Amino acid sequence: AYYHFTHFQTRTGPFTPVYERFDTSALPNKTVSFYISEQGPTQLAAGDSTAAVISQLRAAANAWNAVDTSELKLAFGGQSTAGMTANTPWIEVEFTDELPPGIIAAGGIVTRLDPVTTPNGTFVPISKSLLRLPRNLSNRASSSEAFFLTAVHEFGHTLGLQHSWTSGVMSTEVT
């Protein structure tokens, strides 16, 4: 039960949904690269390391490669630097102090292109998505199930998916 972010092109019916998604024809090997900020976390749980955080993020992204019904794949592109741009659509993972209290992480689309019409229908291509994690990870070890599932969930948002009403990776942590 994955629900894409949806647009409608008119204010009156018929209401034809136009979904946000990565344009696989614009991606090498139908693969979107994700880059993890070189400005990593500033505080880690006891016994944790930045290398372990990166490893878990890579594993979380790889979980989406197991979705049989998707031709889109994710691949680790390396670390990103401030102001980095990419020649193809991409995902950036950053660590920030700007998440509001109570927000564990956030993910979503930050740059969209104009709608494209193909023989398979119209869609809004994603150009860049952003996954934001707190710089202070002292209360959520990268080895925890909670960290991994949060990362998988937020990668789903970067792929253009909304929350699901069914209990699954795109539902909220409480369910």
N, C-alpha and C. Protein backbone atom coordinates (compact mmCIF):
# COMPACT_ATOMS: atom_id res chain seq x y z
N ALA A 1 0.84 -1.19 0.00
CA ALA A 1 0.00 0.00 0.00
C ALA A 1 0.87 1.24 0.00
N TYR A 2 1.41 1.59 -1.15
CA TYR A 2 2.23 2.78 -1.29
C TYR A 2 1.44 3.82 -2.07
N TYR A 3 1.36 5.03 -1.53
CA TYR A 3 0.59 6.09 -2.14
C TYR A 3 1.51 7.22 -2.55
N HIS A 4 1.60 7.49 -3.83
CA HIS A 4 2.46 8.56 -4.34
C HIS A 4 1.84 9.92 -4.07
N PHE A 5 2.69 10.94 -3.92
CA PHE A 5 2.19 12.30 -3.86
C PHE A 5 1.51 12.58 -5.20
N THR A 6 0.36 13.22 -5.15
CA THR A 6 -0.50 13.34 -6.32
C THR A 6 -0.85 14.79 -6.61
N HIS A 7 -0.91 15.14 -7.89
CA HIS A 7 -1.37 16.44 -8.37
C HIS A 7 -2.59 16.19 -9.25
N PHE A 8 -3.39 17.23 -9.44
CA PHE A 8 -4.50 17.19 -10.39
C PHE A 8 -4.34 18.41 -11.28
N GLN A 9 -4.49 18.23 -12.59
CA GLN A 9 -4.20 19.31 -13.54
C GLN A 9 -5.34 20.30 -13.70
N THR A 10 -6.53 19.96 -13.24
CA THR A 10 -7.65 20.87 -13.39
C THR A 10 -8.40 20.99 -12.06
N ARG A 11 -9.20 22.05 -11.94
CA ARG A 11 -10.00 22.25 -10.74
C ARG A 11 -11.39 21.64 -10.86
N THR A 12 -11.70 21.16 -12.06
CA THR A 12 -13.00 20.53 -12.29
C THR A 12 -12.76 19.14 -12.89
N GLY A 13 -13.76 18.27 -12.77
CA GLY A 13 -13.63 16.91 -13.26
C GLY A 13 -13.54 16.84 -14.77
N PRO A 14 -13.07 15.74 -15.32
CA PRO A 14 -12.66 14.57 -14.56
C PRO A 14 -11.30 14.80 -13.90
N PHE A 15 -11.15 14.29 -12.69
CA PHE A 15 -9.92 14.46 -11.93
C PHE A 15 -8.98 13.29 -12.21
N THR A 16 -7.98 13.55 -13.02
CA THR A 16 -7.01 12.52 -13.36
C THR A 16 -5.77 12.73 -12.51
N PRO A 17 -5.39 11.73 -11.72
CA PRO A 17 -4.22 11.90 -10.86
C PRO A 17 -2.92 11.96 -11.67
N VAL A 18 -2.03 12.84 -11.25
CA VAL A 18 -0.70 12.96 -11.84
C VAL A 18 0.28 12.75 -10.68
N TYR A 19 1.03 11.68 -10.73
CA TYR A 19 1.89 11.29 -9.62
C TYR A 19 3.29 11.90 -9.74
N GLU A 20 3.92 12.10 -8.59
CA GLU A 20 5.32 12.51 -8.54
C GLU A 20 6.16 11.25 -8.46
N ARG A 21 7.17 11.18 -9.32
CA ARG A 21 8.08 10.04 -9.29
C ARG A 21 9.35 10.38 -10.05
N PHE A 22 10.36 9.58 -9.82
CA PHE A 22 11.58 9.75 -10.60
C PHE A 22 11.33 9.23 -12.01
N ASP A 23 11.88 9.92 -12.99
CA ASP A 23 11.77 9.51 -14.39
C ASP A 23 12.86 8.49 -14.67
N THR A 24 12.49 7.22 -14.69
CA THR A 24 13.50 6.18 -14.88
C THR A 24 14.22 6.30 -16.22
N SER A 25 13.58 6.92 -17.22
CA SER A 25 14.25 7.08 -18.51
C SER A 25 15.36 8.12 -18.45
N ALA A 26 15.36 8.97 -17.42
CA ALA A 26 16.40 9.99 -17.26
C ALA A 26 17.52 9.53 -16.33
N LEU A 27 17.43 8.30 -15.84
CA LEU A 27 18.40 7.79 -14.88
C LEU A 27 19.25 6.69 -15.51
N PRO A 28 20.56 6.73 -15.27
CA PRO A 28 21.40 5.64 -15.77
C PRO A 28 21.00 4.32 -15.11
N ASN A 29 20.71 3.33 -15.91
CA ASN A 29 20.30 2.01 -15.44
C ASN A 29 19.08 2.06 -14.53
N LYS A 30 18.21 3.08 -14.71
CA LYS A 30 17.01 3.26 -13.91
C LYS A 30 17.33 3.33 -12.42
N THR A 31 18.48 3.92 -12.12
CA THR A 31 18.98 3.98 -10.75
C THR A 31 19.19 5.42 -10.33
N VAL A 32 18.59 5.79 -9.19
CA VAL A 32 18.81 7.11 -8.62
C VAL A 32 19.89 6.98 -7.55
N SER A 33 20.86 7.86 -7.63
CA SER A 33 21.96 7.85 -6.66
C SER A 33 21.58 8.69 -5.45
N PHE A 34 22.01 8.24 -4.29
CA PHE A 34 21.86 9.04 -3.09
C PHE A 34 23.25 9.31 -2.53
N TYR A 35 23.39 10.50 -1.98
CA TYR A 35 24.66 10.97 -1.45
C TYR A 35 24.46 11.37 0.00
N ILE A 36 25.40 10.98 0.86
CA ILE A 36 25.31 11.29 2.28
C ILE A 36 26.28 12.42 2.58
N SER A 37 25.78 13.45 3.24
CA SER A 37 26.58 14.63 3.54
C SER A 37 27.85 14.28 4.30
N GLU A 38 28.94 14.90 3.87
CA GLU A 38 30.20 14.69 4.58
C GLU A 38 30.16 15.34 5.96
N GLN A 39 29.21 16.24 6.17
CA GLN A 39 28.98 16.84 7.49
C GLN A 39 28.06 15.91 8.26
N GLY A 40 28.61 14.85 8.80
CA GLY A 40 27.83 13.81 9.46
C GLY A 40 27.30 14.23 10.81
N PRO A 41 26.81 13.28 11.58
CA PRO A 41 26.28 13.58 12.90
C PRO A 41 27.37 14.11 13.83
N THR A 42 26.96 14.95 14.78
CA THR A 42 27.92 15.52 15.73
C THR A 42 27.95 14.75 17.04
N GLN A 43 26.86 14.04 17.34
CA GLN A 43 26.80 13.22 18.55
C GLN A 43 26.22 11.87 18.19
N LEU A 44 26.85 10.83 18.73
CA LEU A 44 26.42 9.46 18.44
C LEU A 44 26.14 8.72 19.74
N ALA A 45 25.34 7.66 19.65
CA ALA A 45 25.09 6.79 20.79
C ALA A 45 26.40 6.12 21.19
N ALA A 46 26.46 5.71 22.44
CA ALA A 46 27.67 5.03 22.95
C ALA A 46 28.00 3.84 22.07
N GLY A 47 29.25 3.74 21.64
CA GLY A 47 29.71 2.63 20.82
C GLY A 47 29.38 2.76 19.34
N ASP A 48 28.70 3.82 18.95
CA ASP A 48 28.32 4.01 17.54
C ASP A 48 29.43 4.74 16.80
N SER A 49 29.35 4.74 15.47
CA SER A 49 30.34 5.46 14.66
C SER A 49 29.67 6.02 13.41
N THR A 50 30.29 7.00 12.81
CA THR A 50 29.76 7.56 11.57
C THR A 50 29.73 6.49 10.48
N ALA A 51 30.74 5.63 10.44
CA ALA A 51 30.76 4.54 9.45
C ALA A 51 29.55 3.63 9.64
N ALA A 52 29.16 3.35 10.88
CA ALA A 52 28.00 2.50 11.14
C ALA A 52 26.71 3.19 10.68
N VAL A 53 26.61 4.51 10.90
CA VAL A 53 25.44 5.26 10.44
C VAL A 53 25.33 5.18 8.93
N ILE A 54 26.45 5.40 8.24
CA ILE A 54 26.45 5.33 6.77
C ILE A 54 26.07 3.92 6.31
N SER A 55 26.58 2.91 6.96
CA SER A 55 26.26 1.52 6.61
C SER A 55 24.77 1.25 6.74
N GLN A 56 24.16 1.73 7.83
CA GLN A 56 22.73 1.52 8.03
C GLN A 56 21.91 2.29 7.01
N LEU A 57 22.33 3.50 6.66
CA LEU A 57 21.63 4.27 5.63
C LEU A 57 21.70 3.54 4.29
N ARG A 58 22.85 2.99 3.98
CA ARG A 58 22.97 2.23 2.72
C ARG A 58 22.07 1.00 2.73
N ALA A 59 21.99 0.32 3.88
CA ALA A 59 21.12 -0.85 4.00
C ALA A 59 19.65 -0.45 3.89
N ALA A 60 19.28 0.69 4.47
CA ALA A 60 17.89 1.16 4.40
C ALA A 60 17.50 1.48 2.95
N ALA A 61 18.40 2.14 2.22
CA ALA A 61 18.12 2.43 0.81
C ALA A 61 18.01 1.14 0.02
N ASN A 62 18.86 0.19 0.33
CA ASN A 62 18.85 -1.08 -0.38
C ASN A 62 17.55 -1.86 -0.17
N ALA A 63 16.86 -1.61 0.94
CA ALA A 63 15.58 -2.28 1.18
C ALA A 63 14.59 -1.95 0.07
N TRP A 64 14.67 -0.76 -0.49
CA TRP A 64 13.77 -0.38 -1.58
C TRP A 64 14.11 -1.11 -2.87
N ASN A 65 15.34 -1.59 -3.02
CA ASN A 65 15.70 -2.34 -4.22
C ASN A 65 15.03 -3.72 -4.27
N ALA A 66 14.50 -4.16 -3.13
CA ALA A 66 13.83 -5.47 -3.07
C ALA A 66 12.35 -5.39 -3.44
N VAL A 67 11.85 -4.19 -3.73
CA VAL A 67 10.44 -4.04 -4.12
C VAL A 67 10.30 -4.53 -5.56
N ASP A 68 9.70 -5.69 -5.72
CA ASP A 68 9.60 -6.34 -7.03
C ASP A 68 8.80 -5.55 -8.05
N THR A 69 7.85 -4.74 -7.60
CA THR A 69 6.97 -4.04 -8.53
C THR A 69 7.55 -2.71 -9.01
N SER A 70 8.78 -2.39 -8.61
CA SER A 70 9.40 -1.14 -9.02
C SER A 70 10.62 -1.41 -9.88
N GLU A 71 10.71 -0.66 -10.97
CA GLU A 71 11.92 -0.77 -11.80
C GLU A 71 12.99 0.21 -11.33
N LEU A 72 12.63 1.14 -10.44
CA LEU A 72 13.56 2.11 -9.89
C LEU A 72 14.46 1.46 -8.85
N LYS A 73 15.73 1.75 -8.91
CA LYS A 73 16.69 1.24 -7.94
C LYS A 73 17.45 2.40 -7.31
N LEU A 74 17.98 2.18 -6.12
CA LEU A 74 18.79 3.17 -5.40
C LEU A 74 20.23 2.68 -5.32
N ALA A 75 21.18 3.62 -5.42
CA ALA A 75 22.59 3.28 -5.30
C ALA A 75 23.32 4.38 -4.55
N PHE A 76 24.23 3.98 -3.69
CA PHE A 76 25.04 4.93 -2.94
C PHE A 76 26.03 5.58 -3.90
N GLY A 77 25.99 6.92 -3.97
CA GLY A 77 26.87 7.64 -4.87
C GLY A 77 28.11 8.20 -4.20
N GLY A 78 28.15 8.13 -2.87
CA GLY A 78 29.28 8.66 -2.12
C GLY A 78 28.83 9.75 -1.17
N GLN A 79 29.78 10.55 -0.76
CA GLN A 79 29.45 11.63 0.16
C GLN A 79 29.28 12.93 -0.61
N SER A 80 28.38 13.77 -0.10
CA SER A 80 28.12 15.05 -0.75
C SER A 80 28.80 16.17 0.02
N THR A 81 29.09 17.24 -0.70
CA THR A 81 29.67 18.43 -0.10
C THR A 81 28.65 19.56 -0.19
N ALA A 82 28.84 20.58 0.62
CA ALA A 82 27.92 21.72 0.62
C ALA A 82 27.83 22.31 -0.78
N GLY A 83 26.62 22.57 -1.25
CA GLY A 83 26.42 23.18 -2.56
C GLY A 83 26.53 22.23 -3.73
N MET A 84 26.65 20.95 -3.46
CA MET A 84 26.79 19.96 -4.53
C MET A 84 25.55 19.94 -5.42
N THR A 85 25.76 19.74 -6.70
CA THR A 85 24.67 19.52 -7.65
C THR A 85 24.96 18.22 -8.39
N ALA A 86 23.98 17.71 -9.08
CA ALA A 86 24.15 16.47 -9.83
C ALA A 86 23.61 16.66 -11.24
N ASN A 87 24.13 15.87 -12.17
CA ASN A 87 23.69 15.94 -13.57
C ASN A 87 22.40 15.16 -13.82
N THR A 88 22.06 14.27 -12.91
CA THR A 88 20.83 13.49 -13.03
C THR A 88 20.05 13.64 -11.73
N PRO A 89 18.77 13.28 -11.72
CA PRO A 89 17.99 13.34 -10.48
C PRO A 89 18.70 12.56 -9.37
N TRP A 90 18.57 13.06 -8.12
CA TRP A 90 19.32 12.47 -7.02
C TRP A 90 18.65 12.71 -5.68
N ILE A 91 19.19 12.03 -4.66
CA ILE A 91 18.73 12.15 -3.29
C ILE A 91 19.93 12.54 -2.44
N GLU A 92 19.71 13.53 -1.56
CA GLU A 92 20.76 13.93 -0.62
C GLU A 92 20.31 13.58 0.79
N VAL A 93 21.22 13.01 1.57
CA VAL A 93 20.99 12.72 2.97
C VAL A 93 21.84 13.70 3.76
N GLU A 94 21.19 14.48 4.64
CA GLU A 94 21.93 15.46 5.43
C GLU A 94 21.60 15.33 6.91
N PHE A 95 22.49 15.83 7.72
CA PHE A 95 22.32 15.87 9.17
C PHE A 95 22.15 17.33 9.56
N THR A 96 21.13 17.61 10.37
CA THR A 96 20.77 18.99 10.65
C THR A 96 20.34 19.19 12.10
N ASP A 97 20.44 20.42 12.56
CA ASP A 97 19.90 20.82 13.86
C ASP A 97 18.53 21.46 13.70
N GLU A 98 18.00 21.49 12.49
CA GLU A 98 16.78 22.25 12.19
C GLU A 98 15.49 21.42 12.20
N LEU A 99 15.53 20.20 12.69
CA LEU A 99 14.29 19.43 12.80
C LEU A 99 13.53 19.90 14.03
N PRO A 100 12.21 20.10 13.90
CA PRO A 100 11.42 20.55 15.05
C PRO A 100 11.40 19.49 16.16
N PRO A 101 11.16 19.90 17.40
CA PRO A 101 11.06 18.93 18.50
C PRO A 101 10.02 17.86 18.19
N GLY A 102 10.35 16.62 18.50
CA GLY A 102 9.43 15.52 18.26
C GLY A 102 9.55 14.89 16.89
N ILE A 103 10.25 15.53 15.98
CA ILE A 103 10.44 14.97 14.64
C ILE A 103 11.74 14.17 14.64
N ILE A 104 11.64 12.89 14.34
CA ILE A 104 12.79 12.00 14.37
C ILE A 104 13.66 12.18 13.14
N ALA A 105 13.03 12.37 12.00
CA ALA A 105 13.71 12.57 10.72
C ALA A 105 12.66 13.09 9.74
N ALA A 106 13.09 13.54 8.58
CA ALA A 106 12.16 14.03 7.56
C ALA A 106 12.72 13.71 6.19
N GLY A 107 11.83 13.39 5.29
CA GLY A 107 12.25 13.11 3.92
C GLY A 107 11.20 13.62 2.96
N GLY A 108 11.64 14.03 1.79
CA GLY A 108 10.69 14.48 0.80
C GLY A 108 11.35 15.05 -0.43
N ILE A 109 10.50 15.46 -1.33
CA ILE A 109 10.93 16.00 -2.61
C ILE A 109 11.19 17.48 -2.43
N VAL A 110 12.32 17.96 -2.94
CA VAL A 110 12.61 19.39 -2.85
C VAL A 110 12.61 20.08 -4.21
N THR A 111 12.83 19.34 -5.29
CA THR A 111 12.82 19.93 -6.62
C THR A 111 12.04 19.03 -7.57
N ARG A 112 11.03 19.64 -8.22
CA ARG A 112 10.21 18.94 -9.20
C ARG A 112 10.39 19.61 -10.55
N LEU A 113 10.20 18.85 -11.61
CA LEU A 113 10.22 19.41 -12.95
C LEU A 113 8.78 19.56 -13.43
N ASP A 114 8.61 20.15 -14.59
CA ASP A 114 7.27 20.31 -15.16
C ASP A 114 6.70 18.94 -15.53
N PRO A 115 5.38 18.79 -15.47
CA PRO A 115 4.77 17.50 -15.82
C PRO A 115 5.20 17.01 -17.20
N VAL A 116 5.36 15.71 -17.31
CA VAL A 116 5.76 15.05 -18.55
C VAL A 116 4.67 14.07 -18.94
N THR A 117 4.32 14.05 -20.23
CA THR A 117 3.34 13.09 -20.71
C THR A 117 4.06 12.05 -21.57
N THR A 118 3.83 10.79 -21.22
CA THR A 118 4.43 9.66 -21.94
C THR A 118 3.29 8.76 -22.41
N PRO A 119 3.58 7.75 -23.19
CA PRO A 119 2.52 6.80 -23.57
C PRO A 119 1.87 6.13 -22.35
N ASN A 120 2.58 6.10 -21.22
CA ASN A 120 2.04 5.48 -20.00
C ASN A 120 1.30 6.47 -19.11
N GLY A 121 1.18 7.72 -19.54
CA GLY A 121 0.47 8.72 -18.76
C GLY A 121 1.35 9.90 -18.39
N THR A 122 0.77 10.83 -17.65
CA THR A 122 1.46 12.04 -17.24
C THR A 122 1.97 11.87 -15.81
N PHE A 123 3.15 12.42 -15.53
CA PHE A 123 3.69 12.40 -14.18
C PHE A 123 4.55 13.63 -13.96
N VAL A 124 4.83 13.94 -12.70
CA VAL A 124 5.70 15.05 -12.32
C VAL A 124 7.05 14.46 -11.95
N PRO A 125 8.09 14.71 -12.75
CA PRO A 125 9.40 14.14 -12.45
C PRO A 125 10.05 14.78 -11.22
N ILE A 126 10.63 13.95 -10.39
CA ILE A 126 11.40 14.41 -9.23
C ILE A 126 12.82 14.67 -9.70
N SER A 127 13.35 15.83 -9.37
CA SER A 127 14.73 16.17 -9.72
C SER A 127 15.67 15.96 -8.54
N LYS A 128 15.20 16.34 -7.34
CA LYS A 128 16.02 16.16 -6.13
C LYS A 128 15.12 15.93 -4.93
N SER A 129 15.54 14.99 -4.09
CA SER A 129 14.88 14.73 -2.82
C SER A 129 15.89 14.87 -1.70
N LEU A 130 15.37 15.07 -0.50
CA LEU A 130 16.23 15.31 0.66
C LEU A 130 15.74 14.48 1.84
N LEU A 131 16.66 13.77 2.46
CA LEU A 131 16.39 13.03 3.70
C LEU A 131 17.19 13.73 4.79
N ARG A 132 16.48 14.20 5.83
CA ARG A 132 17.13 14.96 6.91
C ARG A 132 17.08 14.16 8.21
N LEU A 133 18.24 13.99 8.82
CA LEU A 133 18.39 13.33 10.10
C LEU A 133 18.99 14.32 11.09
N PRO A 134 18.73 14.13 12.39
CA PRO A 134 19.34 15.05 13.36
C PRO A 134 20.84 14.84 13.47
N ARG A 135 21.54 15.93 13.75
CA ARG A 135 22.99 15.82 14.00
C ARG A 135 23.25 15.06 15.29
N ASN A 136 22.32 15.17 16.23
CA ASN A 136 22.46 14.49 17.51
C ASN A 136 21.74 13.15 17.44
N LEU A 137 22.50 12.10 17.26
CA LEU A 137 21.95 10.74 17.20
C LEU A 137 22.26 9.96 18.48
N SER A 138 22.53 10.67 19.57
CA SER A 138 22.91 10.01 20.81
C SER A 138 21.79 9.17 21.41
N ASN A 139 20.54 9.46 21.05
CA ASN A 139 19.42 8.68 21.60
C ASN A 139 18.85 7.66 20.61
N ARG A 140 19.50 7.44 19.49
CA ARG A 140 19.02 6.48 18.49
C ARG A 140 20.21 5.84 17.80
N ALA A 141 20.68 4.76 18.35
CA ALA A 141 21.85 4.07 17.79
C ALA A 141 21.57 3.56 16.39
N SER A 142 22.56 3.65 15.54
CA SER A 142 22.38 3.20 14.15
C SER A 142 22.13 1.70 14.07
N SER A 143 22.51 0.97 15.10
CA SER A 143 22.29 -0.49 15.10
C SER A 143 20.87 -0.86 15.52
N SER A 144 20.08 0.13 15.93
CA SER A 144 18.72 -0.16 16.41
C SER A 144 17.75 -0.37 15.25
N GLU A 145 16.74 -1.17 15.52
CA GLU A 145 15.67 -1.37 14.54
C GLU A 145 14.97 -0.05 14.26
N ALA A 146 14.83 0.78 15.29
CA ALA A 146 14.14 2.07 15.14
C ALA A 146 14.88 2.97 14.14
N PHE A 147 16.21 3.02 14.21
CA PHE A 147 16.97 3.85 13.27
C PHE A 147 16.80 3.32 11.85
N PHE A 148 16.96 2.02 11.68
CA PHE A 148 16.86 1.42 10.35
C PHE A 148 15.48 1.66 9.74
N LEU A 149 14.41 1.39 10.49
CA LEU A 149 13.05 1.56 9.95
C LEU A 149 12.73 3.02 9.67
N THR A 150 13.24 3.92 10.50
CA THR A 150 13.06 5.35 10.23
C THR A 150 13.73 5.71 8.91
N ALA A 151 14.94 5.23 8.69
CA ALA A 151 15.65 5.53 7.45
C ALA A 151 14.93 4.94 6.23
N VAL A 152 14.44 3.71 6.33
CA VAL A 152 13.69 3.11 5.22
C VAL A 152 12.45 3.95 4.93
N HIS A 153 11.73 4.33 5.98
CA HIS A 153 10.51 5.14 5.84
C HIS A 153 10.82 6.47 5.15
N GLU A 154 11.84 7.16 5.62
CA GLU A 154 12.17 8.47 5.04
C GLU A 154 12.68 8.35 3.62
N PHE A 155 13.40 7.28 3.29
CA PHE A 155 13.78 7.05 1.88
C PHE A 155 12.51 6.89 1.04
N GLY A 156 11.47 6.28 1.59
CA GLY A 156 10.20 6.18 0.86
C GLY A 156 9.65 7.55 0.50
N HIS A 157 9.72 8.49 1.45
CA HIS A 157 9.27 9.85 1.14
C HIS A 157 10.12 10.48 0.05
N THR A 158 11.43 10.22 0.06
CA THR A 158 12.29 10.80 -0.98
C THR A 158 11.96 10.22 -2.36
N LEU A 159 11.35 9.05 -2.39
CA LEU A 159 10.94 8.42 -3.65
C LEU A 159 9.59 8.92 -4.12
N GLY A 160 8.94 9.76 -3.30
CA GLY A 160 7.66 10.33 -3.69
C GLY A 160 6.46 9.66 -3.05
N LEU A 161 6.68 8.90 -1.99
CA LEU A 161 5.59 8.18 -1.34
C LEU A 161 5.08 8.91 -0.11
N GLN A 162 3.76 8.86 0.07
CA GLN A 162 3.10 9.43 1.25
C GLN A 162 2.97 8.36 2.33
N HIS A 163 2.39 8.77 3.45
CA HIS A 163 2.08 7.81 4.50
C HIS A 163 0.97 6.88 4.03
N SER A 164 1.01 5.67 4.53
CA SER A 164 0.02 4.65 4.20
C SER A 164 -0.92 4.48 5.39
N TRP A 165 -2.16 4.11 5.11
CA TRP A 165 -3.12 3.82 6.18
C TRP A 165 -2.97 2.39 6.66
N THR A 166 -2.21 1.58 5.95
CA THR A 166 -1.98 0.21 6.38
C THR A 166 -0.70 0.15 7.19
N SER A 167 -0.58 -0.83 8.04
CA SER A 167 0.62 -0.95 8.85
C SER A 167 1.73 -1.50 7.96
N GLY A 168 2.72 -0.68 7.70
CA GLY A 168 3.84 -1.04 6.85
C GLY A 168 4.89 0.02 6.96
N VAL A 169 5.90 -0.07 6.14
CA VAL A 169 7.03 0.84 6.24
C VAL A 169 6.64 2.30 6.01
N MET A 170 5.59 2.58 5.26
CA MET A 170 5.18 3.96 5.02
C MET A 170 4.09 4.43 5.99
N SER A 171 3.76 3.62 6.98
CA SER A 171 2.89 4.12 8.05
C SER A 171 3.79 4.79 9.08
N THR A 172 3.19 5.43 10.06
CA THR A 172 4.00 6.09 11.08
C THR A 172 4.55 5.06 12.06
N GLU A 173 5.59 5.45 12.80
CA GLU A 173 6.28 4.53 13.70
C GLU A 173 5.32 3.93 14.74
N VAL A 174 4.34 4.69 15.17
CA VAL A 174 3.42 4.21 16.21
C VAL A 174 2.66 2.98 15.74
N THR A 175 2.29 2.93 14.45
CA THR A 175 1.53 1.77 13.96
C THR A 175 2.45 0.65 13.52
